[in-house]
Amino acid sequence: MSLRFKSGYPSTIWTMIEWYHPGCPDGGDWEKAGWWKIDPGGSAIVYGDDLEDVNRYWYFYAQAADGAYWAGPYDEIVPYIAFDWCSNTANSNSFEIGMRELDINDNDDYTLTFVP
């Protein structure tokens, strides 16, 4: 049971996720983590547990070394370095991104493939 991100893209990708975590220590209900590096043709398990037990909706953002990105309308603040924070946490080196929503329905496992 896991959330796997796979690259079908010709350039290295860095990605982050956000998921429902009620009672996160910062007072919010969401947790965010990143950055996973995914080489062309590679994959990464970005969450290694039963997805449907957590929430139907997950959020992600990804950017490629060549400047391409996968983004959406859901704003979040993230750092340039690896992180695992509650949603309300940031630091002075953080920047704003827009995440996409991922609907996993009632799946325990899900694979998302980044394509051009």
PDB file of N, CA and C in Angstrom:
ATOM      1  N   MET A   1       0.851  -1.173   0.000  1.00  0.00           N
ATOM      2  CA  MET A   1       0.000   0.000   0.000  1.00  0.00           C
ATOM      3  C   MET A   1       0.892   1.230   0.000  1.00  0.00           C
ATOM      4  N   SER A   2       0.719   2.072  -1.040  1.00  0.00           N
ATOM      5  CA  SER A   2       1.590   3.237  -1.124  1.00  0.00           C
ATOM      6  C   SER A   2       1.114   4.196  -2.208  1.00  0.00           C
ATOM      7  N   LEU A   3       1.683   5.383  -2.148  1.00  0.00           N
ATOM      8  CA  LEU A   3       1.539   6.370  -3.212  1.00  0.00           C
ATOM      9  C   LEU A   3       2.887   6.448  -3.912  1.00  0.00           C
ATOM     10  N   ARG A   4       2.889   6.096  -5.192  1.00  0.00           N
ATOM     11  CA  ARG A   4       4.121   6.079  -5.983  1.00  0.00           C
ATOM     12  C   ARG A   4       4.020   7.130  -7.085  1.00  0.00           C
ATOM     13  N   PHE A   5       5.082   7.895  -7.248  1.00  0.00           N
ATOM     14  CA  PHE A   5       5.199   8.834  -8.355  1.00  0.00           C
ATOM     15  C   PHE A   5       6.240   8.276  -9.315  1.00  0.00           C
ATOM     16  N   LYS A   6       5.880   8.246 -10.593  1.00  0.00           N
ATOM     17  CA  LYS A   6       6.732   7.678 -11.631  1.00  0.00           C
ATOM     18  C   LYS A   6       7.004   8.738 -12.686  1.00  0.00           C
ATOM     19  N   SER A   7       8.205   8.722 -13.226  1.00  0.00           N
ATOM     20  CA  SER A   7       8.555   9.697 -14.256  1.00  0.00           C
ATOM     21  C   SER A   7       8.453   9.097 -15.646  1.00  0.00           C
ATOM     22  N   GLY A   8       7.634   9.737 -16.472  1.00  0.00           N
ATOM     23  CA  GLY A   8       7.584   9.458 -17.896  1.00  0.00           C
ATOM     24  C   GLY A   8       8.107  10.676 -18.638  1.00  0.00           C
ATOM     25  N   TYR A   9       8.970  11.425 -17.966  1.00  0.00           N
ATOM     26  CA  TYR A   9       9.471  12.708 -18.464  1.00  0.00           C
ATOM     27  C   TYR A   9      10.981  12.602 -18.698  1.00  0.00           C
ATOM     28  N   PRO A  10      11.516  13.297 -19.727  1.00  0.00           N
ATOM     29  CA  PRO A  10      12.931  13.137 -20.077  1.00  0.00           C
ATOM     30  C   PRO A  10      13.933  13.909 -19.211  1.00  0.00           C
ATOM     31  N   SER A  11      13.474  14.595 -18.187  1.00  0.00           N
ATOM     32  CA  SER A  11      14.361  15.371 -17.314  1.00  0.00           C
ATOM     33  C   SER A  11      14.083  14.999 -15.855  1.00  0.00           C
ATOM     34  N   THR A  12      15.065  15.184 -14.982  1.00  0.00           N
ATOM     35  CA  THR A  12      14.890  14.883 -13.558  1.00  0.00           C
ATOM     36  C   THR A  12      13.784  15.746 -12.961  1.00  0.00           C
ATOM     37  N   ILE A  13      12.977  15.142 -12.096  1.00  0.00           N
ATOM     38  CA  ILE A  13      11.846  15.813 -11.447  1.00  0.00           C
ATOM     39  C   ILE A  13      12.063  15.807  -9.940  1.00  0.00           C
ATOM     40  N   TRP A  14      11.672  16.898  -9.282  1.00  0.00           N
ATOM     41  CA  TRP A  14      11.601  16.967  -7.819  1.00  0.00           C
ATOM     42  C   TRP A  14      10.143  17.191  -7.456  1.00  0.00           C
ATOM     43  N   THR A  15       9.638  16.471  -6.482  1.00  0.00           N
ATOM     44  CA  THR A  15       8.220  16.556  -6.150  1.00  0.00           C
ATOM     45  C   THR A  15       7.983  16.582  -4.645  1.00  0.00           C
ATOM     46  N   MET A  16       6.809  17.096  -4.269  1.00  0.00           N
ATOM     47  CA  MET A  16       6.373  17.123  -2.874  1.00  0.00           C
ATOM     48  C   MET A  16       4.916  16.711  -2.822  1.00  0.00           C
ATOM     49  N   ILE A  17       4.456  16.331  -1.619  1.00  0.00           N
ATOM     50  CA  ILE A  17       3.058  15.960  -1.420  1.00  0.00           C
ATOM     51  C   ILE A  17       2.515  16.635  -0.166  1.00  0.00           C
ATOM     52  N   GLU A  18       1.187  16.665  -0.093  1.00  0.00           N
ATOM     53  CA  GLU A  18       0.510  17.116   1.125  1.00  0.00           C
ATOM     54  C   GLU A  18      -0.679  16.189   1.352  1.00  0.00           C
ATOM     55  N   TRP A  19      -0.901  15.823   2.630  1.00  0.00           N
ATOM     56  CA  TRP A  19      -1.982  14.895   2.962  1.00  0.00           C
ATOM     57  C   TRP A  19      -2.633  15.292   4.275  1.00  0.00           C
ATOM     58  N   TYR A  20      -3.826  14.770   4.464  1.00  0.00           N
ATOM     59  CA  TYR A  20      -4.627  15.042   5.654  1.00  0.00           C
ATOM     60  C   TYR A  20      -3.980  14.402   6.875  1.00  0.00           C
ATOM     61  N   HIS A  21      -3.746  15.210   7.896  1.00  0.00           N
ATOM     62  CA  HIS A  21      -3.147  14.744   9.152  1.00  0.00           C
ATOM     63  C   HIS A  21      -3.807  15.530  10.282  1.00  0.00           C
ATOM     64  N   PRO A  22      -4.999  15.110  10.710  1.00  0.00           N
ATOM     65  CA  PRO A  22      -5.700  15.853  11.761  1.00  0.00           C
ATOM     66  C   PRO A  22      -4.865  15.930  13.032  1.00  0.00           C
ATOM     67  N   GLY A  23      -4.847  17.108  13.621  1.00  0.00           N
ATOM     68  CA  GLY A  23      -4.093  17.309  14.852  1.00  0.00           C
ATOM     69  C   GLY A  23      -2.598  17.441  14.646  1.00  0.00           C
ATOM     70  N   CYS A  24      -2.175  17.832  13.455  1.00  0.00           N
ATOM     71  CA  CYS A  24      -0.747  18.053  13.212  1.00  0.00           C
ATOM     72  C   CYS A  24      -0.236  19.035  14.280  1.00  0.00           C
ATOM     73  N   PRO A  25       0.969  18.864  14.797  1.00  0.00           N
ATOM     74  CA  PRO A  25       1.438  19.649  15.941  1.00  0.00           C
ATOM     75  C   PRO A  25       1.394  21.174  15.797  1.00  0.00           C
ATOM     76  N   ASP A  26       1.349  21.702  14.573  1.00  0.00           N
ATOM     77  CA  ASP A  26       1.293  23.161  14.428  1.00  0.00           C
ATOM     78  C   ASP A  26      -0.122  23.708  14.571  1.00  0.00           C
ATOM     79  N   GLY A  27      -1.078  22.838  14.837  1.00  0.00           N
ATOM     80  CA  GLY A  27      -2.458  23.268  14.994  1.00  0.00           C
ATOM     81  C   GLY A  27      -3.302  23.073  13.751  1.00  0.00           C
ATOM     82  N   GLY A  28      -2.683  22.720  12.633  1.00  0.00           N
ATOM     83  CA  GLY A  28      -3.416  22.484  11.400  1.00  0.00           C
ATOM     84  C   GLY A  28      -3.799  21.021  11.252  1.00  0.00           C
ATOM     85  N   ASP A  29      -4.388  20.713  10.105  1.00  0.00           N
ATOM     86  CA  ASP A  29      -4.837  19.346   9.839  1.00  0.00           C
ATOM     87  C   ASP A  29      -4.189  18.732   8.603  1.00  0.00           C
ATOM     88  N   TRP A  30      -3.089  19.309   8.135  1.00  0.00           N
ATOM     89  CA  TRP A  30      -2.429  18.805   6.932  1.00  0.00           C
ATOM     90  C   TRP A  30      -0.923  18.738   7.151  1.00  0.00           C
ATOM     91  N   GLU A  31      -0.291  17.759   6.513  1.00  0.00           N
ATOM     92  CA  GLU A  31       1.160  17.595   6.569  1.00  0.00           C
ATOM     93  C   GLU A  31       1.710  17.629   5.147  1.00  0.00           C
ATOM     94  N   LYS A  32       2.889  18.192   4.983  1.00  0.00           N
ATOM     95  CA  LYS A  32       3.530  18.301   3.670  1.00  0.00           C
ATOM     96  C   LYS A  32       4.962  17.781   3.773  1.00  0.00           C
ATOM     97  N   ALA A  33       5.450  17.170   2.694  1.00  0.00           N
ATOM     98  CA  ALA A  33       6.810  16.638   2.690  1.00  0.00           C
ATOM     99  C   ALA A  33       7.373  16.664   1.275  1.00  0.00           C
ATOM    100  N   GLY A  34       8.674  16.786   1.169  1.00  0.00           N
ATOM    101  CA  GLY A  34       9.369  16.790  -0.114  1.00  0.00           C
ATOM    102  C   GLY A  34      10.855  16.940   0.146  1.00  0.00           C
ATOM    103  N   TRP A  35      11.634  16.966  -0.660  1.00  0.00           N
ATOM    104  CA  TRP A  35      11.567  16.789  -2.088  1.00  0.00           C
ATOM    105  C   TRP A  35      12.085  15.399  -2.460  1.00  0.00           C
ATOM    106  N   TRP A  36      11.341  14.675  -3.252  1.00  0.00           N
ATOM    107  CA  TRP A  36      11.810  13.414  -3.803  1.00  0.00           C
ATOM    108  C   TRP A  36      12.367  13.697  -5.184  1.00  0.00           C
ATOM    109  N   LYS A  37      13.545  13.181  -5.447  1.00  0.00           N
ATOM    110  CA  LYS A  37      14.175  13.305  -6.765  1.00  0.00           C
ATOM    111  C   LYS A  37      13.826  12.059  -7.565  1.00  0.00           C
ATOM    112  N   ILE A  38      13.261  12.268  -8.756  1.00  0.00           N
ATOM    113  CA  ILE A  38      12.883  11.149  -9.621  1.00  0.00           C
ATOM    114  C   ILE A  38      13.571  11.336 -10.970  1.00  0.00           C
ATOM    115  N   ASP A  39      14.478  10.441 -11.285  1.00  0.00           N
ATOM    116  CA  ASP A  39      15.190  10.496 -12.559  1.00  0.00           C
ATOM    117  C   ASP A  39      14.289  10.004 -13.684  1.00  0.00           C
ATOM    118  N   PRO A  40      14.598  10.352 -14.949  1.00  0.00           N
ATOM    119  CA  PRO A  40      13.790   9.888 -16.077  1.00  0.00           C
ATOM    120  C   PRO A  40      13.623   8.363 -16.051  1.00  0.00           C
ATOM    121  N   GLY A  41      12.387   7.910 -16.141  1.00  0.00           N
ATOM    122  CA  GLY A  41      12.081   6.484 -16.106  1.00  0.00           C
ATOM    123  C   GLY A  41      12.042   5.889 -14.712  1.00  0.00           C
ATOM    124  N   GLY A  42      12.387   6.674 -13.696  1.00  0.00           N
ATOM    125  CA  GLY A  42      12.419   6.182 -12.324  1.00  0.00           C
ATOM    126  C   GLY A  42      11.117   6.420 -11.592  1.00  0.00           C
ATOM    127  N   SER A  43      11.101   6.032 -10.322  1.00  0.00           N
ATOM    128  CA  SER A  43       9.917   6.248  -9.495  1.00  0.00           C
ATOM    129  C   SER A  43      10.336   6.394  -8.042  1.00  0.00           C
ATOM    130  N   ALA A  44       9.411   6.880  -7.232  1.00  0.00           N
ATOM    131  CA  ALA A  44       9.640   7.030  -5.796  1.00  0.00           C
ATOM    132  C   ALA A  44       8.337   6.768  -5.060  1.00  0.00           C
ATOM    133  N   ILE A  45       8.428   6.064  -3.943  1.00  0.00           N
ATOM    134  CA  ILE A  45       7.277   5.924  -3.056  1.00  0.00           C
ATOM    135  C   ILE A  45       7.288   7.144  -2.152  1.00  0.00           C
ATOM    136  N   VAL A  46       6.277   8.002  -2.305  1.00  0.00           N
ATOM    137  CA  VAL A  46       6.231   9.249  -1.542  1.00  0.00           C
ATOM    138  C   VAL A  46       5.378   9.126  -0.285  1.00  0.00           C
ATOM    139  N   TYR A  47       4.608   8.050  -0.192  1.00  0.00           N
ATOM    140  CA  TYR A  47       3.859   7.743   1.027  1.00  0.00           C
ATOM    141  C   TYR A  47       3.709   6.236   1.086  1.00  0.00           C
ATOM    142  N   GLY A  48       4.137   5.621   2.177  1.00  0.00           N
ATOM    143  CA  GLY A  48       4.198   4.169   2.240  1.00  0.00           C
ATOM    144  C   GLY A  48       3.194   3.518   3.160  1.00  0.00           C
ATOM    145  N   ASP A  49       1.950   3.935   3.081  1.00  0.00           N
ATOM    146  CA  ASP A  49       0.928   3.337   3.934  1.00  0.00           C
ATOM    147  C   ASP A  49      -0.375   3.277   3.150  1.00  0.00           C
ATOM    148  N   ASP A  50      -1.439   2.822   3.784  1.00  0.00           N
ATOM    149  CA  ASP A  50      -2.756   2.695   3.158  1.00  0.00           C
ATOM    150  C   ASP A  50      -3.322   4.083   2.869  1.00  0.00           C
ATOM    151  N   LEU A  51      -3.452   4.431   1.602  1.00  0.00           N
ATOM    152  CA  LEU A  51      -3.868   5.779   1.206  1.00  0.00           C
ATOM    153  C   LEU A  51      -5.299   6.093   1.596  1.00  0.00           C
ATOM    154  N   GLU A  52      -6.195   5.178   1.304  1.00  0.00           N
ATOM    155  CA  GLU A  52      -7.618   5.427   1.516  1.00  0.00           C
ATOM    156  C   GLU A  52      -7.938   5.607   2.992  1.00  0.00           C
ATOM    157  N   ASP A  53      -7.135   5.006   3.869  1.00  0.00           N
ATOM    158  CA  ASP A  53      -7.346   5.192   5.304  1.00  0.00           C
ATOM    159  C   ASP A  53      -7.023   6.619   5.742  1.00  0.00           C
ATOM    160  N   VAL A  54      -6.202   7.326   4.960  1.00  0.00           N
ATOM    161  CA  VAL A  54      -5.803   8.698   5.297  1.00  0.00           C
ATOM    162  C   VAL A  54      -6.826   9.691   4.770  1.00  0.00           C
ATOM    163  N   ASN A  55      -7.050   9.670   3.459  1.00  0.00           N
ATOM    164  CA  ASN A  55      -7.977  10.615   2.842  1.00  0.00           C
ATOM    165  C   ASN A  55      -8.112  10.279   1.364  1.00  0.00           C
ATOM    166  N   ARG A  56      -9.224  10.627   0.785  1.00  0.00           N
ATOM    167  CA  ARG A  56      -9.428  10.440  -0.645  1.00  0.00           C
ATOM    168  C   ARG A  56      -8.613  11.439  -1.456  1.00  0.00           C
ATOM    169  N   TYR A  57      -8.412  12.648  -0.920  1.00  0.00           N
ATOM    170  CA  TYR A  57      -7.748  13.721  -1.664  1.00  0.00           C
ATOM    171  C   TYR A  57      -6.340  13.965  -1.149  1.00  0.00           C
ATOM    172  N   TRP A  58      -5.399  14.002  -2.058  1.00  0.00           N
ATOM    173  CA  TRP A  58      -3.987  14.269  -1.802  1.00  0.00           C
ATOM    174  C   TRP A  58      -3.586  15.439  -2.696  1.00  0.00           C
ATOM    175  N   TYR A  59      -2.480  16.072  -2.392  1.00  0.00           N
ATOM    176  CA  TYR A  59      -2.027  17.228  -3.170  1.00  0.00           C
ATOM    177  C   TYR A  59      -0.551  17.058  -3.492  1.00  0.00           C
ATOM    178  N   PHE A  60      -0.146  17.585  -4.658  1.00  0.00           N
ATOM    179  CA  PHE A  60       1.250  17.449  -5.058  1.00  0.00           C
ATOM    180  C   PHE A  60       1.670  18.618  -5.932  1.00  0.00           C
ATOM    181  N   TYR A  61       2.960  18.789  -6.009  1.00  0.00           N
ATOM    182  CA  TYR A  61       3.598  19.750  -6.906  1.00  0.00           C
ATOM    183  C   TYR A  61       4.886  19.095  -7.373  1.00  0.00           C
ATOM    184  N   ALA A  62       5.267  19.338  -8.616  1.00  0.00           N
ATOM    185  CA  ALA A  62       6.525  18.808  -9.129  1.00  0.00           C
ATOM    186  C   ALA A  62       7.138  19.816 -10.085  1.00  0.00           C
ATOM    187  N   GLN A  63       8.458  19.833 -10.105  1.00  0.00           N
ATOM    188  CA  GLN A  63       9.175  20.674 -11.056  1.00  0.00           C
ATOM    189  C   GLN A  63      10.329  19.871 -11.628  1.00  0.00           C
ATOM    190  N   ALA A  64      10.616  20.124 -12.908  1.00  0.00           N
ATOM    191  CA  ALA A  64      11.672  19.390 -13.597  1.00  0.00           C
ATOM    192  C   ALA A  64      12.902  20.274 -13.770  1.00  0.00           C
ATOM    193  N   ALA A  65      14.037  19.632 -13.959  1.00  0.00           N
ATOM    194  CA  ALA A  65      15.305  20.344 -14.131  1.00  0.00           C
ATOM    195  C   ALA A  65      15.287  21.249 -15.362  1.00  0.00           C
ATOM    196  N   ASP A  66      14.452  20.928 -16.359  1.00  0.00           N
ATOM    197  CA  ASP A  66      14.395  21.745 -17.571  1.00  0.00           C
ATOM    198  C   ASP A  66      13.387  22.892 -17.475  1.00  0.00           C
ATOM    199  N   GLY A  67      12.774  23.086 -16.301  1.00  0.00           N
ATOM    200  CA  GLY A  67      11.845  24.202 -16.100  1.00  0.00           C
ATOM    201  C   GLY A  67      10.375  23.832 -16.162  1.00  0.00           C
ATOM    202  N   ALA A  68      10.040  22.636 -16.625  1.00  0.00           N
ATOM    203  CA  ALA A  68       8.633  22.206 -16.649  1.00  0.00           C
ATOM    204  C   ALA A  68       8.144  22.017 -15.215  1.00  0.00           C
ATOM    205  N   TYR A  69       6.834  22.121 -15.036  1.00  0.00           N
ATOM    206  CA  TYR A  69       6.277  21.900 -13.699  1.00  0.00           C
ATOM    207  C   TYR A  69       4.853  21.379 -13.802  1.00  0.00           C
ATOM    208  N   TRP A  70       4.407  20.744 -12.735  1.00  0.00           N
ATOM    209  CA  TRP A  70       3.051  20.231 -12.589  1.00  0.00           C
ATOM    210  C   TRP A  70       2.490  20.933 -11.365  1.00  0.00           C
ATOM    211  N   ALA A  71       1.571  21.852 -11.585  1.00  0.00           N
ATOM    212  CA  ALA A  71       1.083  22.707 -10.502  1.00  0.00           C
ATOM    213  C   ALA A  71      -0.423  22.879 -10.624  1.00  0.00           C
ATOM    214  N   GLY A  72      -1.008  23.513  -9.623  1.00  0.00           N
ATOM    215  CA  GLY A  72      -2.439  23.751  -9.606  1.00  0.00           C
ATOM    216  C   GLY A  72      -2.780  24.940  -8.736  1.00  0.00           C
ATOM    217  N   PRO A  73      -4.068  25.080  -8.377  1.00  0.00           N
ATOM    218  CA  PRO A  73      -4.554  26.277  -7.689  1.00  0.00           C
ATOM    219  C   PRO A  73      -4.457  26.255  -6.165  1.00  0.00           C
ATOM    220  N   TYR A  74      -3.900  25.201  -5.586  1.00  0.00           N
ATOM    221  CA  TYR A  74      -3.886  25.085  -4.123  1.00  0.00           C
ATOM    222  C   TYR A  74      -2.544  25.572  -3.576  1.00  0.00           C
ATOM    223  N   ASP A  75      -2.551  26.766  -2.990  1.00  0.00           N
ATOM    224  CA  ASP A  75      -1.322  27.415  -2.531  1.00  0.00           C
ATOM    225  C   ASP A  75      -0.717  26.731  -1.312  1.00  0.00           C
ATOM    226  N   GLU A  76       0.595  26.699  -1.299  1.00  0.00           N
ATOM    227  CA  GLU A  76       1.345  26.174  -0.159  1.00  0.00           C
ATOM    228  C   GLU A  76       2.710  26.850  -0.127  1.00  0.00           C
ATOM    229  N   ILE A  77       3.307  26.872   1.048  1.00  0.00           N
ATOM    230  CA  ILE A  77       4.646  27.419   1.247  1.00  0.00           C
ATOM    231  C   ILE A  77       5.579  26.248   1.556  1.00  0.00           C
ATOM    232  N   VAL A  78       6.688  26.155   0.806  1.00  0.00           N
ATOM    233  CA  VAL A  78       7.642  25.058   0.987  1.00  0.00           C
ATOM    234  C   VAL A  78       9.070  25.601   0.947  1.00  0.00           C
ATOM    235  N   PRO A  79      10.010  24.884   1.573  1.00  0.00           N
ATOM    236  CA  PRO A  79      11.411  25.304   1.520  1.00  0.00           C
ATOM    237  C   PRO A  79      12.122  24.699   0.305  1.00  0.00           C
ATOM    238  N   TYR A  80      13.312  25.179   0.046  1.00  0.00           N
ATOM    239  CA  TYR A  80      14.127  24.629  -1.037  1.00  0.00           C
ATOM    240  C   TYR A  80      14.806  23.320  -0.632  1.00  0.00           C
ATOM    241  N   ILE A  81      14.868  23.037   0.653  1.00  0.00           N
ATOM    242  CA  ILE A  81      15.538  21.848   1.171  1.00  0.00           C
ATOM    243  C   ILE A  81      14.509  20.762   1.503  1.00  0.00           C
ATOM    244  N   ALA A  82      14.977  19.545   1.743  1.00  0.00           N
ATOM    245  CA  ALA A  82      14.079  18.452   2.134  1.00  0.00           C
ATOM    246  C   ALA A  82      13.326  18.823   3.409  1.00  0.00           C
ATOM    247  N   PHE A  83      12.057  18.405   3.505  1.00  0.00           N
ATOM    248  CA  PHE A  83      11.220  18.786   4.646  1.00  0.00           C
ATOM    249  C   PHE A  83      10.136  17.753   4.893  1.00  0.00           C
ATOM    250  N   ASP A  84       9.615  17.760   6.104  1.00  0.00           N
ATOM    251  CA  ASP A  84       8.420  17.020   6.505  1.00  0.00           C
ATOM    252  C   ASP A  84       7.800  17.853   7.614  1.00  0.00           C
ATOM    253  N   TRP A  85       6.871  18.725   7.248  1.00  0.00           N
ATOM    254  CA  TRP A  85       6.312  19.736   8.137  1.00  0.00           C
ATOM    255  C   TRP A  85       4.791  19.681   8.130  1.00  0.00           C
ATOM    256  N   CYS A  86       4.206  20.227   9.165  1.00  0.00           N
ATOM    257  CA  CYS A  86       2.777  20.516   9.145  1.00  0.00           C
ATOM    258  C   CYS A  86       2.543  21.675   8.176  1.00  0.00           C
ATOM    259  N   SER A  87       1.332  21.784   7.683  1.00  0.00           N
ATOM    260  CA  SER A  87       1.023  22.773   6.658  1.00  0.00           C
ATOM    261  C   SER A  87       1.296  24.211   7.079  1.00  0.00           C
ATOM    262  N   ASN A  88       1.083  24.548   8.342  1.00  0.00           N
ATOM    263  CA  ASN A  88       1.268  25.929   8.791  1.00  0.00           C
ATOM    264  C   ASN A  88       2.722  26.282   9.074  1.00  0.00           C
ATOM    265  N   THR A  89       3.643  25.372   8.832  1.00  0.00           N
ATOM    266  CA  THR A  89       5.062  25.602   9.109  1.00  0.00           C
ATOM    267  C   THR A  89       5.777  26.098   7.858  1.00  0.00           C
ATOM    268  N   ALA A  90       6.693  27.054   8.050  1.00  0.00           N
ATOM    269  CA  ALA A  90       7.528  27.577   6.965  1.00  0.00           C
ATOM    270  C   ALA A  90       8.819  28.091   7.590  1.00  0.00           C
ATOM    271  N   ASN A  91       9.742  28.519   6.743  1.00  0.00           N
ATOM    272  CA  ASN A  91      10.939  29.188   7.242  1.00  0.00           C
ATOM    273  C   ASN A  91      11.266  30.360   6.332  1.00  0.00           C
ATOM    274  N   SER A  92      12.315  31.088   6.648  1.00  0.00           N
ATOM    275  CA  SER A  92      12.628  32.305   5.894  1.00  0.00           C
ATOM    276  C   SER A  92      13.119  32.008   4.481  1.00  0.00           C
ATOM    277  N   ASN A  93      13.446  30.759   4.180  1.00  0.00           N
ATOM    278  CA  ASN A  93      13.886  30.384   2.836  1.00  0.00           C
ATOM    279  C   ASN A  93      12.788  29.675   2.046  1.00  0.00           C
ATOM    280  N   SER A  94      11.553  29.800   2.477  1.00  0.00           N
ATOM    281  CA  SER A  94      10.443  29.132   1.802  1.00  0.00           C
ATOM    282  C   SER A  94       9.944  29.948   0.615  1.00  0.00           C
ATOM    283  N   PHE A  95       9.244  29.277  -0.289  1.00  0.00           N
ATOM    284  CA  PHE A  95       8.645  29.943  -1.438  1.00  0.00           C
ATOM    285  C   PHE A  95       7.257  29.360  -1.675  1.00  0.00           C
ATOM    286  N   GLU A  96       6.448  30.078  -2.449  1.00  0.00           N
ATOM    287  CA  GLU A  96       5.062  29.671  -2.676  1.00  0.00           C
ATOM    288  C   GLU A  96       4.951  28.831  -3.938  1.00  0.00           C
ATOM    289  N   ILE A  97       4.164  27.768  -3.836  1.00  0.00           N
ATOM    290  CA  ILE A  97       3.851  26.916  -4.977  1.00  0.00           C
ATOM    291  C   ILE A  97       2.335  26.785  -5.079  1.00  0.00           C
ATOM    292  N   GLY A  98       1.866  26.235  -6.170  1.00  0.00           N
ATOM    293  CA  GLY A  98       0.465  25.880  -6.340  1.00  0.00           C
ATOM    294  C   GLY A  98       0.372  24.383  -6.569  1.00  0.00           C
ATOM    295  N   MET A  99      -0.345  23.692  -5.712  1.00  0.00           N
ATOM    296  CA  MET A  99      -0.437  22.231  -5.808  1.00  0.00           C
ATOM    297  C   MET A  99      -1.647  21.806  -6.636  1.00  0.00           C
ATOM    298  N   ARG A 100      -1.551  20.615  -7.201  1.00  0.00           N
ATOM    299  CA  ARG A 100      -2.678  19.957  -7.861  1.00  0.00           C
ATOM    300  C   ARG A 100      -3.335  18.999  -6.884  1.00  0.00           C
ATOM    301  N   GLU A 101      -4.635  18.821  -7.070  1.00  0.00           N
ATOM    302  CA  GLU A 101      -5.362  17.836  -6.267  1.00  0.00           C
ATOM    303  C   GLU A 101      -5.301  16.480  -6.964  1.00  0.00           C
ATOM    304  N   LEU A 102      -5.115  15.440  -6.178  1.00  0.00           N
ATOM    305  CA  LEU A 102      -5.090  14.070  -6.668  1.00  0.00           C
ATOM    306  C   LEU A 102      -6.194  13.301  -5.955  1.00  0.00           C
ATOM    307  N   ASP A 103      -7.177  12.824  -6.715  1.00  0.00           N
ATOM    308  CA  ASP A 103      -8.297  12.061  -6.162  1.00  0.00           C
ATOM    309  C   ASP A 103      -7.991  10.576  -6.334  1.00  0.00           C
ATOM    310  N   ILE A 104      -7.707   9.892  -5.229  1.00  0.00           N
ATOM    311  CA  ILE A 104      -7.373   8.465  -5.302  1.00  0.00           C
ATOM    312  C   ILE A 104      -8.607   7.570  -5.169  1.00  0.00           C
ATOM    313  N   ASN A 105      -9.797   8.182  -5.035  1.00  0.00           N
ATOM    314  CA  ASN A 105     -11.038   7.444  -4.796  1.00  0.00           C
ATOM    315  C   ASN A 105     -10.877   6.558  -3.567  1.00  0.00           C
ATOM    316  N   ASP A 106     -11.179   5.262  -3.687  1.00  0.00           N
ATOM    317  CA  ASP A 106     -11.050   4.375  -2.527  1.00  0.00           C
ATOM    318  C   ASP A 106      -9.863   3.422  -2.673  1.00  0.00           C
ATOM    319  N   ASN A 107      -8.855   3.833  -3.439  1.00  0.00           N
ATOM    320  CA  ASN A 107      -7.672   2.997  -3.655  1.00  0.00           C
ATOM    321  C   ASN A 107      -6.746   3.001  -2.443  1.00  0.00           C
ATOM    322  N   ASP A 108      -6.189   1.842  -2.139  1.00  0.00           N
ATOM    323  CA  ASP A 108      -5.167   1.729  -1.099  1.00  0.00           C
ATOM    324  C   ASP A 108      -3.786   2.032  -1.662  1.00  0.00           C
ATOM    325  N   ASP A 109      -3.611   1.783  -2.957  1.00  0.00           N
ATOM    326  CA  ASP A 109      -2.373   2.046  -3.692  1.00  0.00           C
ATOM    327  C   ASP A 109      -2.704   2.945  -4.871  1.00  0.00           C
ATOM    328  N   TYR A 110      -1.739   3.789  -5.249  1.00  0.00           N
ATOM    329  CA  TYR A 110      -1.967   4.651  -6.400  1.00  0.00           C
ATOM    330  C   TYR A 110      -0.618   5.012  -7.003  1.00  0.00           C
ATOM    331  N   THR A 111      -0.542   5.009  -8.332  1.00  0.00           N
ATOM    332  CA  THR A 111       0.661   5.461  -9.033  1.00  0.00           C
ATOM    333  C   THR A 111       0.286   6.608  -9.948  1.00  0.00           C
ATOM    334  N   LEU A 112       1.008   7.700  -9.810  1.00  0.00           N
ATOM    335  CA  LEU A 112       0.856   8.873 -10.674  1.00  0.00           C
ATOM    336  C   LEU A 112       2.089   8.945 -11.556  1.00  0.00           C
ATOM    337  N   THR A 113       1.882   9.052 -12.877  1.00  0.00           N
ATOM    338  CA  THR A 113       3.008   9.161 -13.805  1.00  0.00           C
ATOM    339  C   THR A 113       3.071  10.573 -14.355  1.00  0.00           C
ATOM    340  N   PHE A 114       4.230  11.196 -14.196  1.00  0.00           N
ATOM    341  CA  PHE A 114       4.457  12.528 -14.759  1.00  0.00           C
ATOM    342  C   PHE A 114       4.808  12.366 -16.230  1.00  0.00           C
ATOM    343  N   VAL A 115       4.014  13.003 -17.098  1.00  0.00           N
ATOM    344  CA  VAL A 115       4.242  12.950 -18.540  1.00  0.00           C
ATOM    345  C   VAL A 115       4.265  14.376 -19.082  1.00  0.00           C
ATOM    346  N   PRO A 116       4.905  14.548 -20.260  1.00  0.00           N
ATOM    347  CA  PRO A 116       4.960  15.904 -20.853  1.00  0.00           C
ATOM    348  C   PRO A 116       3.579  16.457 -21.145  1.00  0.00           C
TER     349      PRO A 116
END
